[in-house]
Amino acid sequence: MMAWFLVAVAIVSEVAATLALRGTAGGIRPLNIAAVVIGYVASFTLMAYALRTLNVGVVYAVWSGVGTAGVAAIAALVYGEHLNLTAIGGIVLIVIGVVVLTTSGATTHG
């Protein structure tokens, strides 16, 4: 259970870093750059610890899928980025895929 908590915090760190990266679009901002670097380093470090017990394929699928969905949703709210029905449908498919993977029983080293 602790490993999944680490993955969840890794996802939050990655989403925050990616949103901070978007914040540098207007020019180099040292605080945003620091947030990007810290967020990604924290995310990869936490995933590395989670991989001691969880399978890399499942962890990466969950991390990237939930992160992608989270960034898209938050960017739409914070930056006003447009999500059409096709994009929303794709995000739903990603979430369904993550659920299928995590409930497959192939999540830990066996």
PDB file of N, CA and C in Angstrom:
ATOM      1  N   MET A   1       0.823  -1.195   0.000  1.00  0.00           N
ATOM      2  CA  MET A   1       0.000   0.000   0.000  1.00  0.00           C
ATOM      3  C   MET A   1       0.869   1.262   0.000  1.00  0.00           C
ATOM      4  N   MET A   2       1.989   1.234   0.716  1.00  0.00           N
ATOM      5  CA  MET A   2       2.893   2.378   0.758  1.00  0.00           C
ATOM      6  C   MET A   2       3.446   2.679  -0.632  1.00  0.00           C
ATOM      7  N   ALA A   3       3.691   1.644  -1.422  1.00  0.00           N
ATOM      8  CA  ALA A   3       4.227   1.843  -2.769  1.00  0.00           C
ATOM      9  C   ALA A   3       3.233   2.634  -3.624  1.00  0.00           C
ATOM     10  N   TRP A   4       1.954   2.336  -3.498  1.00  0.00           N
ATOM     11  CA  TRP A   4       0.946   3.072  -4.271  1.00  0.00           C
ATOM     12  C   TRP A   4       0.830   4.507  -3.791  1.00  0.00           C
ATOM     13  N   PHE A   5       1.034   4.736  -2.502  1.00  0.00           N
ATOM     14  CA  PHE A   5       1.060   6.105  -1.992  1.00  0.00           C
ATOM     15  C   PHE A   5       2.218   6.873  -2.630  1.00  0.00           C
ATOM     16  N   LEU A   6       3.383   6.224  -2.740  1.00  0.00           N
ATOM     17  CA  LEU A   6       4.537   6.858  -3.375  1.00  0.00           C
ATOM     18  C   LEU A   6       4.248   7.186  -4.837  1.00  0.00           C
ATOM     19  N   VAL A   7       3.564   6.284  -5.528  1.00  0.00           N
ATOM     20  CA  VAL A   7       3.189   6.546  -6.922  1.00  0.00           C
ATOM     21  C   VAL A   7       2.242   7.747  -6.989  1.00  0.00           C
ATOM     22  N   ALA A   8       1.289   7.813  -6.083  1.00  0.00           N
ATOM     23  CA  ALA A   8       0.341   8.937  -6.069  1.00  0.00           C
ATOM     24  C   ALA A   8       1.065  10.266  -5.862  1.00  0.00           C
ATOM     25  N   VAL A   9       2.002  10.304  -4.934  1.00  0.00           N
ATOM     26  CA  VAL A   9       2.755  11.534  -4.686  1.00  0.00           C
ATOM     27  C   VAL A   9       3.663  11.842  -5.886  1.00  0.00           C
ATOM     28  N   ALA A  10       4.201  10.807  -6.522  1.00  0.00           N
ATOM     29  CA  ALA A  10       5.005  11.002  -7.733  1.00  0.00           C
ATOM     30  C   ALA A  10       4.165  11.639  -8.838  1.00  0.00           C
ATOM     31  N   ILE A  11       2.921  11.206  -8.954  1.00  0.00           N
ATOM     32  CA  ILE A  11       2.017  11.775  -9.968  1.00  0.00           C
ATOM     33  C   ILE A  11       1.746  13.245  -9.666  1.00  0.00           C
ATOM     34  N   VAL A  12       1.468  13.555  -8.412  1.00  0.00           N
ATOM     35  CA  VAL A  12       1.218  14.951  -8.030  1.00  0.00           C
ATOM     36  C   VAL A  12       2.446  15.808  -8.331  1.00  0.00           C
ATOM     37  N   SER A  13       3.632  15.292  -8.020  1.00  0.00           N
ATOM     38  CA  SER A  13       4.879  16.027  -8.282  1.00  0.00           C
ATOM     39  C   SER A  13       5.075  16.259  -9.771  1.00  0.00           C
ATOM     40  N   GLU A  14       4.795  15.240 -10.563  1.00  0.00           N
ATOM     41  CA  GLU A  14       4.969  15.341 -12.015  1.00  0.00           C
ATOM     42  C   GLU A  14       3.977  16.316 -12.615  1.00  0.00           C
ATOM     43  N   VAL A  15       2.731  16.272 -12.169  1.00  0.00           N
ATOM     44  CA  VAL A  15       1.713  17.198 -12.671  1.00  0.00           C
ATOM     45  C   VAL A  15       2.092  18.631 -12.312  1.00  0.00           C
ATOM     46  N   ALA A  16       2.522  18.853 -11.079  1.00  0.00           N
ATOM     47  CA  ALA A  16       2.929  20.197 -10.655  1.00  0.00           C
ATOM     48  C   ALA A  16       4.115  20.688 -11.489  1.00  0.00           C
ATOM     49  N   ALA A  17       5.080  19.814 -11.738  1.00  0.00           N
ATOM     50  CA  ALA A  17       6.247  20.189 -12.536  1.00  0.00           C
ATOM     51  C   ALA A  17       5.849  20.535 -13.964  1.00  0.00           C
ATOM     52  N   THR A  18       4.962  19.752 -14.541  1.00  0.00           N
ATOM     53  CA  THR A  18       4.531  20.005 -15.912  1.00  0.00           C
ATOM     54  C   THR A  18       3.760  21.316 -16.015  1.00  0.00           C
ATOM     55  N   LEU A  19       2.905  21.584 -15.044  1.00  0.00           N
ATOM     56  CA  LEU A  19       2.179  22.856 -15.047  1.00  0.00           C
ATOM     57  C   LEU A  19       3.129  24.032 -14.834  1.00  0.00           C
ATOM     58  N   ALA A  20       4.162  23.853 -14.018  1.00  0.00           N
ATOM     59  CA  ALA A  20       5.167  24.905 -13.844  1.00  0.00           C
ATOM     60  C   ALA A  20       5.934  25.112 -15.148  1.00  0.00           C
ATOM     61  N   LEU A  21       6.171  24.035 -15.884  1.00  0.00           N
ATOM     62  CA  LEU A  21       6.844  24.140 -17.183  1.00  0.00           C
ATOM     63  C   LEU A  21       6.011  24.997 -18.133  1.00  0.00           C
ATOM     64  N   ARG A  22       4.708  24.795 -18.122  1.00  0.00           N
ATOM     65  CA  ARG A  22       3.802  25.618 -18.944  1.00  0.00           C
ATOM     66  C   ARG A  22       3.906  27.084 -18.545  1.00  0.00           C
ATOM     67  N   GLY A  23       4.163  27.327 -17.281  1.00  0.00           N
ATOM     68  CA  GLY A  23       4.300  28.689 -16.790  1.00  0.00           C
ATOM     69  C   GLY A  23       5.548  29.400 -17.281  1.00  0.00           C
ATOM     70  N   THR A  24       6.482  28.691 -17.888  1.00  0.00           N
ATOM     71  CA  THR A  24       7.690  29.318 -18.423  1.00  0.00           C
ATOM     72  C   THR A  24       7.509  29.732 -19.882  1.00  0.00           C
ATOM     73  N   ALA A  25       6.319  29.515 -20.439  1.00  0.00           N
ATOM     74  CA  ALA A  25       6.091  29.799 -21.858  1.00  0.00           C
ATOM     75  C   ALA A  25       6.322  31.271 -22.200  1.00  0.00           C
ATOM     76  N   GLY A  26       6.097  32.165 -21.249  1.00  0.00           N
ATOM     77  CA  GLY A  26       6.293  33.591 -21.503  1.00  0.00           C
ATOM     78  C   GLY A  26       7.729  34.043 -21.346  1.00  0.00           C
ATOM     79  N   GLY A  27       8.597  33.165 -20.931  1.00  0.00           N
ATOM     80  CA  GLY A  27      10.001  33.501 -20.734  1.00  0.00           C
ATOM     81  C   GLY A  27      10.565  32.733 -19.552  1.00  0.00           C
ATOM     82  N   ILE A  28      11.846  32.816 -19.401  1.00  0.00           N
ATOM     83  CA  ILE A  28      12.530  32.096 -18.316  1.00  0.00           C
ATOM     84  C   ILE A  28      12.171  32.762 -16.988  1.00  0.00           C
ATOM     85  N   ARG A  29      11.604  31.949 -16.108  1.00  0.00           N
ATOM     86  CA  ARG A  29      11.271  32.408 -14.763  1.00  0.00           C
ATOM     87  C   ARG A  29      11.953  31.456 -13.783  1.00  0.00           C
ATOM     88  N   PRO A  30      12.927  31.940 -13.023  1.00  0.00           N
ATOM     89  CA  PRO A  30      13.708  31.062 -12.147  1.00  0.00           C
ATOM     90  C   PRO A  30      12.873  30.221 -11.185  1.00  0.00           C
ATOM     91  N   LEU A  31      11.833  30.778 -10.599  1.00  0.00           N
ATOM     92  CA  LEU A  31      11.020  29.992  -9.668  1.00  0.00           C
ATOM     93  C   LEU A  31      10.297  28.860 -10.384  1.00  0.00           C
ATOM     94  N   ASN A  32       9.804  29.122 -11.583  1.00  0.00           N
ATOM     95  CA  ASN A  32       9.147  28.067 -12.350  1.00  0.00           C
ATOM     96  C   ASN A  32      10.142  26.985 -12.747  1.00  0.00           C
ATOM     97  N   ILE A  33      11.338  27.405 -13.176  1.00  0.00           N
ATOM     98  CA  ILE A  33      12.369  26.424 -13.546  1.00  0.00           C
ATOM     99  C   ILE A  33      12.725  25.565 -12.331  1.00  0.00           C
ATOM    100  N   ALA A  34      12.862  26.176 -11.169  1.00  0.00           N
ATOM    101  CA  ALA A  34      13.162  25.425  -9.946  1.00  0.00           C
ATOM    102  C   ALA A  34      12.035  24.448  -9.633  1.00  0.00           C
ATOM    103  N   ALA A  35      10.791  24.878  -9.793  1.00  0.00           N
ATOM    104  CA  ALA A  35       9.640  24.003  -9.539  1.00  0.00           C
ATOM    105  C   ALA A  35       9.637  22.824 -10.512  1.00  0.00           C
ATOM    106  N   VAL A  36      10.005  23.064 -11.758  1.00  0.00           N
ATOM    107  CA  VAL A  36      10.070  21.994 -12.759  1.00  0.00           C
ATOM    108  C   VAL A  36      11.115  20.963 -12.351  1.00  0.00           C
ATOM    109  N   VAL A  37      12.313  21.421 -12.057  1.00  0.00           N
ATOM    110  CA  VAL A  37      13.404  20.509 -11.711  1.00  0.00           C
ATOM    111  C   VAL A  37      13.086  19.735 -10.431  1.00  0.00           C
ATOM    112  N   ILE A  38      12.658  20.428  -9.398  1.00  0.00           N
ATOM    113  CA  ILE A  38      12.340  19.776  -8.124  1.00  0.00           C
ATOM    114  C   ILE A  38      11.194  18.786  -8.296  1.00  0.00           C
ATOM    115  N   GLY A  39      10.169  19.182  -9.037  1.00  0.00           N
ATOM    116  CA  GLY A  39       9.011  18.310  -9.241  1.00  0.00           C
ATOM    117  C   GLY A  39       9.362  17.029  -9.971  1.00  0.00           C
ATOM    118  N   TYR A  40      10.144  17.139 -11.049  1.00  0.00           N
ATOM    119  CA  TYR A  40      10.512  15.935 -11.795  1.00  0.00           C
ATOM    120  C   TYR A  40      11.486  15.050 -11.020  1.00  0.00           C
ATOM    121  N   VAL A  41      12.447  15.653 -10.334  1.00  0.00           N
ATOM    122  CA  VAL A  41      13.382  14.853  -9.519  1.00  0.00           C
ATOM    123  C   VAL A  41      12.612  14.119  -8.422  1.00  0.00           C
ATOM    124  N   ALA A  42      11.699  14.810  -7.760  1.00  0.00           N
ATOM    125  CA  ALA A  42      10.893  14.172  -6.714  1.00  0.00           C
ATOM    126  C   ALA A  42      10.050  13.045  -7.300  1.00  0.00           C
ATOM    127  N   SER A  43       9.454  13.292  -8.451  1.00  0.00           N
ATOM    128  CA  SER A  43       8.596  12.289  -9.071  1.00  0.00           C
ATOM    129  C   SER A  43       9.373  11.021  -9.413  1.00  0.00           C
ATOM    130  N   PHE A  44      10.508  11.170 -10.070  1.00  0.00           N
ATOM    131  CA  PHE A  44      11.292   9.995 -10.452  1.00  0.00           C
ATOM    132  C   PHE A  44      11.868   9.278  -9.236  1.00  0.00           C
ATOM    133  N   THR A  45      12.256  10.034  -8.225  1.00  0.00           N
ATOM    134  CA  THR A  45      12.782   9.409  -7.003  1.00  0.00           C
ATOM    135  C   THR A  45      11.699   8.582  -6.313  1.00  0.00           C
ATOM    136  N   LEU A  46      10.506   9.142  -6.191  1.00  0.00           N
ATOM    137  CA  LEU A  46       9.399   8.416  -5.556  1.00  0.00           C
ATOM    138  C   LEU A  46       9.017   7.179  -6.359  1.00  0.00           C
ATOM    139  N   MET A  47       9.022   7.300  -7.684  1.00  0.00           N
ATOM    140  CA  MET A  47       8.716   6.120  -8.509  1.00  0.00           C
ATOM    141  C   MET A  47       9.777   5.048  -8.323  1.00  0.00           C
ATOM    142  N   ALA A  48      11.023   5.441  -8.216  1.00  0.00           N
ATOM    143  CA  ALA A  48      12.100   4.466  -8.017  1.00  0.00           C
ATOM    144  C   ALA A  48      11.879   3.667  -6.735  1.00  0.00           C
ATOM    145  N   TYR A  49      11.463   4.340  -5.679  1.00  0.00           N
ATOM    146  CA  TYR A  49      11.166   3.625  -4.436  1.00  0.00           C
ATOM    147  C   TYR A  49       9.963   2.701  -4.596  1.00  0.00           C
ATOM    148  N   ALA A  50       8.950   3.150  -5.297  1.00  0.00           N
ATOM    149  CA  ALA A  50       7.757   2.322  -5.514  1.00  0.00           C
ATOM    150  C   ALA A  50       8.094   1.078  -6.328  1.00  0.00           C
ATOM    151  N   LEU A  51       9.080   1.193  -7.218  1.00  0.00           N
ATOM    152  CA  LEU A  51       9.443   0.061  -8.077  1.00  0.00           C
ATOM    153  C   LEU A  51      10.164  -1.055  -7.326  1.00  0.00           C
ATOM    154  N   ARG A  52      10.452  -0.842  -6.069  1.00  0.00           N
ATOM    155  CA  ARG A  52      11.013  -1.929  -5.257  1.00  0.00           C
ATOM    156  C   ARG A  52      10.011  -3.062  -5.101  1.00  0.00           C
ATOM    157  N   THR A  53       8.711  -2.728  -5.143  1.00  0.00           N
ATOM    158  CA  THR A  53       7.686  -3.767  -4.976  1.00  0.00           C
ATOM    159  C   THR A  53       6.696  -3.846  -6.127  1.00  0.00           C
ATOM    160  N   LEU A  54       6.570  -2.778  -6.895  1.00  0.00           N
ATOM    161  CA  LEU A  54       5.594  -2.764  -7.983  1.00  0.00           C
ATOM    162  C   LEU A  54       6.289  -2.961  -9.327  1.00  0.00           C
ATOM    163  N   ASN A  55       5.563  -3.506 -10.291  1.00  0.00           N
ATOM    164  CA  ASN A  55       6.095  -3.724 -11.632  1.00  0.00           C
ATOM    165  C   ASN A  55       6.212  -2.411 -12.397  1.00  0.00           C
ATOM    166  N   VAL A  56       7.314  -2.250 -13.103  1.00  0.00           N
ATOM    167  CA  VAL A  56       7.597  -1.005 -13.802  1.00  0.00           C
ATOM    168  C   VAL A  56       6.555  -0.690 -14.873  1.00  0.00           C
ATOM    169  N   GLY A  57       6.078  -1.674 -15.601  1.00  0.00           N
ATOM    170  CA  GLY A  57       5.096  -1.417 -16.648  1.00  0.00           C
ATOM    171  C   GLY A  57       3.808  -0.842 -16.115  1.00  0.00           C
ATOM    172  N   VAL A  58       3.335  -1.403 -15.024  1.00  0.00           N
ATOM    173  CA  VAL A  58       2.093  -0.926 -14.420  1.00  0.00           C
ATOM    174  C   VAL A  58       2.302   0.457 -13.804  1.00  0.00           C
ATOM    175  N   VAL A  59       3.396   0.636 -13.086  1.00  0.00           N
ATOM    176  CA  VAL A  59       3.662   1.936 -12.456  1.00  0.00           C
ATOM    177  C   VAL A  59       3.784   3.018 -13.517  1.00  0.00           C
ATOM    178  N   TYR A  60       4.514   2.728 -14.583  1.00  0.00           N
ATOM    179  CA  TYR A  60       4.691   3.746 -15.619  1.00  0.00           C
ATOM    180  C   TYR A  60       3.364   4.061 -16.302  1.00  0.00           C
ATOM    181  N   ALA A  61       2.563   3.054 -16.551  1.00  0.00           N
ATOM    182  CA  ALA A  61       1.254   3.276 -17.183  1.00  0.00           C
ATOM    183  C   ALA A  61       0.366   4.131 -16.293  1.00  0.00           C
ATOM    184  N   VAL A  62       0.336   3.839 -15.003  1.00  0.00           N
ATOM    185  CA  VAL A  62      -0.481   4.613 -14.066  1.00  0.00           C
ATOM    186  C   VAL A  62       0.062   6.036 -13.959  1.00  0.00           C
ATOM    187  N   TRP A  63       1.373   6.166 -13.778  1.00  0.00           N
ATOM    188  CA  TRP A  63       2.004   7.484 -13.628  1.00  0.00           C
ATOM    189  C   TRP A  63       1.755   8.354 -14.851  1.00  0.00           C
ATOM    190  N   SER A  64       2.022   7.802 -16.025  1.00  0.00           N
ATOM    191  CA  SER A  64       1.867   8.612 -17.236  1.00  0.00           C
ATOM    192  C   SER A  64       0.396   8.857 -17.576  1.00  0.00           C
ATOM    193  N   GLY A  65      -0.451   7.853 -17.389  1.00  0.00           N
ATOM    194  CA  GLY A  65      -1.867   8.005 -17.710  1.00  0.00           C
ATOM    195  C   GLY A  65      -2.579   8.980 -16.808  1.00  0.00           C
ATOM    196  N   VAL A  66      -2.425   8.799 -15.513  1.00  0.00           N
ATOM    197  CA  VAL A  66      -3.082   9.701 -14.562  1.00  0.00           C
ATOM    198  C   VAL A  66      -2.468  11.094 -14.656  1.00  0.00           C
ATOM    199  N   GLY A  67      -1.154  11.148 -14.856  1.00  0.00           N
ATOM    200  CA  GLY A  67      -0.494  12.446 -15.024  1.00  0.00           C
ATOM    201  C   GLY A  67      -1.002  13.187 -16.244  1.00  0.00           C
ATOM    202  N   THR A  68      -1.144  12.477 -17.364  1.00  0.00           N
ATOM    203  CA  THR A  68      -1.653  13.091 -18.589  1.00  0.00           C
ATOM    204  C   THR A  68      -3.071  13.622 -18.393  1.00  0.00           C
ATOM    205  N   ALA A  69      -3.920  12.795 -17.809  1.00  0.00           N
ATOM    206  CA  ALA A  69      -5.303  13.220 -17.563  1.00  0.00           C
ATOM    207  C   ALA A  69      -5.340  14.405 -16.604  1.00  0.00           C
ATOM    208  N   GLY A  70      -4.526  14.346 -15.567  1.00  0.00           N
ATOM    209  CA  GLY A  70      -4.492  15.433 -14.586  1.00  0.00           C
ATOM    210  C   GLY A  70      -4.005  16.743 -15.178  1.00  0.00           C
ATOM    211  N   VAL A  71      -2.929  16.677 -15.966  1.00  0.00           N
ATOM    212  CA  VAL A  71      -2.407  17.891 -16.591  1.00  0.00           C
ATOM    213  C   VAL A  71      -3.436  18.478 -17.543  1.00  0.00           C
ATOM    214  N   ALA A  72      -4.063  17.644 -18.344  1.00  0.00           N
ATOM    215  CA  ALA A  72      -5.058  18.144 -19.303  1.00  0.00           C
ATOM    216  C   ALA A  72      -6.219  18.826 -18.577  1.00  0.00           C
ATOM    217  N   ALA A  73      -6.719  18.203 -17.521  1.00  0.00           N
ATOM    218  CA  ALA A  73      -7.858  18.767 -16.795  1.00  0.00           C
ATOM    219  C   ALA A  73      -7.477  20.063 -16.083  1.00  0.00           C
ATOM    220  N   ILE A  74      -6.340  20.058 -15.404  1.00  0.00           N
ATOM    221  CA  ILE A  74      -5.935  21.255 -14.655  1.00  0.00           C
ATOM    222  C   ILE A  74      -5.560  22.389 -15.604  1.00  0.00           C
ATOM    223  N   ALA A  75      -4.885  22.061 -16.713  1.00  0.00           N
ATOM    224  CA  ALA A  75      -4.529  23.099 -17.684  1.00  0.00           C
ATOM    225  C   ALA A  75      -5.779  23.740 -18.281  1.00  0.00           C
ATOM    226  N   ALA A  76      -6.825  22.950 -18.460  1.00  0.00           N
ATOM    227  CA  ALA A  76      -8.081  23.515 -18.966  1.00  0.00           C
ATOM    228  C   ALA A  76      -8.655  24.510 -17.959  1.00  0.00           C
ATOM    229  N   LEU A  77      -8.551  24.174 -16.681  1.00  0.00           N
ATOM    230  CA  LEU A  77      -9.081  25.060 -15.639  1.00  0.00           C
ATOM    231  C   LEU A  77      -8.190  26.278 -15.396  1.00  0.00           C
ATOM    232  N   VAL A  78      -6.884  26.046 -15.296  1.00  0.00           N
ATOM    233  CA  VAL A  78      -5.961  27.115 -14.910  1.00  0.00           C
ATOM    234  C   VAL A  78      -5.568  27.995 -16.089  1.00  0.00           C
ATOM    235  N   TYR A  79      -5.261  27.384 -17.231  1.00  0.00           N
ATOM    236  CA  TYR A  79      -4.769  28.129 -18.389  1.00  0.00           C
ATOM    237  C   TYR A  79      -5.824  28.336 -19.472  1.00  0.00           C
ATOM    238  N   GLY A  80      -7.023  27.818 -19.250  1.00  0.00           N
ATOM    239  CA  GLY A  80      -8.082  27.988 -20.232  1.00  0.00           C
ATOM    240  C   GLY A  80      -7.878  27.196 -21.510  1.00  0.00           C
ATOM    241  N   GLU A  81      -7.069  26.140 -21.438  1.00  0.00           N
ATOM    242  CA  GLU A  81      -6.843  25.310 -22.621  1.00  0.00           C
ATOM    243  C   GLU A  81      -8.114  24.547 -22.954  1.00  0.00           C
ATOM    244  N   HIS A  82      -8.401  24.429 -24.226  1.00  0.00           N
ATOM    245  CA  HIS A  82      -9.668  23.845 -24.681  1.00  0.00           C
ATOM    246  C   HIS A  82      -9.571  22.323 -24.799  1.00  0.00           C
ATOM    247  N   LEU A  83     -10.559  21.634 -24.243  1.00  0.00           N
ATOM    248  CA  LEU A  83     -10.691  20.185 -24.409  1.00  0.00           C
ATOM    249  C   LEU A  83     -11.996  19.920 -25.149  1.00  0.00           C
ATOM    250  N   ASN A  84     -11.893  19.362 -26.354  1.00  0.00           N
ATOM    251  CA  ASN A  84     -13.115  19.014 -27.079  1.00  0.00           C
ATOM    252  C   ASN A  84     -13.557  17.604 -26.689  1.00  0.00           C
ATOM    253  N   LEU A  85     -14.659  17.150 -27.235  1.00  0.00           N
ATOM    254  CA  LEU A  85     -15.192  15.831 -26.872  1.00  0.00           C
ATOM    255  C   LEU A  85     -14.230  14.703 -27.218  1.00  0.00           C
ATOM    256  N   THR A  86     -13.508  14.831 -28.321  1.00  0.00           N
ATOM    257  CA  THR A  86     -12.545  13.801 -28.694  1.00  0.00           C
ATOM    258  C   THR A  86     -11.433  13.703 -27.649  1.00  0.00           C
ATOM    259  N   ALA A  87     -10.922  14.847 -27.207  1.00  0.00           N
ATOM    260  CA  ALA A  87      -9.874  14.860 -26.183  1.00  0.00           C
ATOM    261  C   ALA A  87     -10.392  14.278 -24.874  1.00  0.00           C
ATOM    262  N   ILE A  88     -11.590  14.653 -24.491  1.00  0.00           N
ATOM    263  CA  ILE A  88     -12.183  14.117 -23.258  1.00  0.00           C
ATOM    264  C   ILE A  88     -12.373  12.612 -23.381  1.00  0.00           C
ATOM    265  N   GLY A  89     -12.827  12.151 -24.543  1.00  0.00           N
ATOM    266  CA  GLY A  89     -12.970  10.711 -24.773  1.00  0.00           C
ATOM    267  C   GLY A  89     -11.638   9.990 -24.657  1.00  0.00           C
ATOM    268  N   GLY A  90     -10.579  10.588 -25.179  1.00  0.00           N
ATOM    269  CA  GLY A  90      -9.242   9.988 -25.061  1.00  0.00           C
ATOM    270  C   GLY A  90      -8.795   9.895 -23.618  1.00  0.00           C
ATOM    271  N   ILE A  91      -9.061  10.926 -22.847  1.00  0.00           N
ATOM    272  CA  ILE A  91      -8.703  10.916 -21.426  1.00  0.00           C
ATOM    273  C   ILE A  91      -9.479   9.826 -20.695  1.00  0.00           C
ATOM    274  N   VAL A  92     -10.754   9.684 -21.016  1.00  0.00           N
ATOM    275  CA  VAL A  92     -11.565   8.624 -20.403  1.00  0.00           C
ATOM    276  C   VAL A  92     -10.979   7.255 -20.736  1.00  0.00           C
ATOM    277  N   LEU A  93     -10.556   7.059 -21.983  1.00  0.00           N
ATOM    278  CA  LEU A  93      -9.940   5.779 -22.367  1.00  0.00           C
ATOM    279  C   LEU A  93      -8.639   5.523 -21.609  1.00  0.00           C
ATOM    280  N   ILE A  94      -7.862   6.572 -21.388  1.00  0.00           N
ATOM    281  CA  ILE A  94      -6.630   6.429 -20.608  1.00  0.00           C
ATOM    282  C   ILE A  94      -6.966   5.963 -19.195  1.00  0.00           C
ATOM    283  N   VAL A  95      -7.941   6.606 -18.577  1.00  0.00           N
ATOM    284  CA  VAL A  95      -8.334   6.249 -17.210  1.00  0.00           C
ATOM    285  C   VAL A  95      -8.844   4.806 -17.167  1.00  0.00           C
ATOM    286  N   ILE A  96      -9.634   4.418 -18.153  1.00  0.00           N
ATOM    287  CA  ILE A  96     -10.118   3.028 -18.206  1.00  0.00           C
ATOM    288  C   ILE A  96      -8.937   2.064 -18.318  1.00  0.00           C
ATOM    289  N   GLY A  97      -7.980   2.386 -19.156  1.00  0.00           N
ATOM    290  CA  GLY A  97      -6.792   1.544 -19.297  1.00  0.00           C
ATOM    291  C   GLY A  97      -6.018   1.419 -17.999  1.00  0.00           C
ATOM    292  N   VAL A  98      -5.882   2.515 -17.276  1.00  0.00           N
ATOM    293  CA  VAL A  98      -5.186   2.485 -15.984  1.00  0.00           C
ATOM    294  C   VAL A  98      -5.932   1.582 -15.000  1.00  0.00           C
ATOM    295  N   VAL A  99      -7.248   1.696 -14.972  1.00  0.00           N
ATOM    296  CA  VAL A  99      -8.042   0.864 -14.068  1.00  0.00           C
ATOM    297  C   VAL A  99      -7.885  -0.614 -14.433  1.00  0.00           C
ATOM    298  N   VAL A 100      -7.933  -0.934 -15.708  1.00  0.00           N
ATOM    299  CA  VAL A 100      -7.761  -2.323 -16.149  1.00  0.00           C
ATOM    300  C   VAL A 100      -6.388  -2.848 -15.731  1.00  0.00           C
ATOM    301  N   LEU A 101      -5.346  -2.058 -15.948  1.00  0.00           N
ATOM    302  CA  LEU A 101      -4.001  -2.486 -15.571  1.00  0.00           C
ATOM    303  C   LEU A 101      -3.869  -2.732 -14.076  1.00  0.00           C
ATOM    304  N   THR A 102      -4.359  -1.796 -13.280  1.00  0.00           N
ATOM    305  CA  THR A 102      -4.170  -1.919 -11.831  1.00  0.00           C
ATOM    306  C   THR A 102      -5.025  -3.025 -11.224  1.00  0.00           C
ATOM    307  N   THR A 103      -6.096  -3.395 -11.876  1.00  0.00           N
ATOM    308  CA  THR A 103      -6.927  -4.477 -11.348  1.00  0.00           C
ATOM    309  C   THR A 103      -6.594  -5.825 -11.982  1.00  0.00           C
ATOM    310  N   SER A 104      -5.572  -5.844 -12.828  1.00  0.00           N
ATOM    311  CA  SER A 104      -5.217  -7.078 -13.542  1.00  0.00           C
ATOM    312  C   SER A 104      -4.535  -8.103 -12.650  1.00  0.00           C
ATOM    313  N   GLY A 105      -4.049  -7.670 -11.512  1.00  0.00           N
ATOM    314  CA  GLY A 105      -3.337  -8.596 -10.624  1.00  0.00           C
ATOM    315  C   GLY A 105      -1.858  -8.688 -10.937  1.00  0.00           C
ATOM    316  N   ALA A 106      -1.404  -7.983 -11.955  1.00  0.00           N
ATOM    317  CA  ALA A 106       0.002  -8.044 -12.358  1.00  0.00           C
ATOM    318  C   ALA A 106       0.748  -6.800 -11.893  1.00  0.00           C
ATOM    319  N   THR A 107       0.500  -6.373 -10.670  1.00  0.00           N
ATOM    320  CA  THR A 107       1.098  -5.131 -10.217  1.00  0.00           C
ATOM    321  C   THR A 107       2.378  -5.301  -9.404  1.00  0.00           C
ATOM    322  N   THR A 108       2.572  -6.453  -8.800  1.00  0.00           N
ATOM    323  CA  THR A 108       3.764  -6.624  -7.957  1.00  0.00           C
ATOM    324  C   THR A 108       4.695  -7.691  -8.529  1.00  0.00           C
ATOM    325  N   HIS A 109       5.943  -7.636  -8.061  1.00  0.00           N
ATOM    326  CA  HIS A 109       6.919  -8.618  -8.493  1.00  0.00           C
ATOM    327  C   HIS A 109       6.458 -10.005  -8.072  1.00  0.00           C
ATOM    328  N   GLY A 110       6.549 -10.946  -8.972  1.00  0.00           N
ATOM    329  CA  GLY A 110       6.051 -12.257  -8.607  1.00  0.00           C
ATOM    330  C   GLY A 110       6.965 -13.307  -8.843  1.00  0.00           C
TER     331      GLY A 110
END
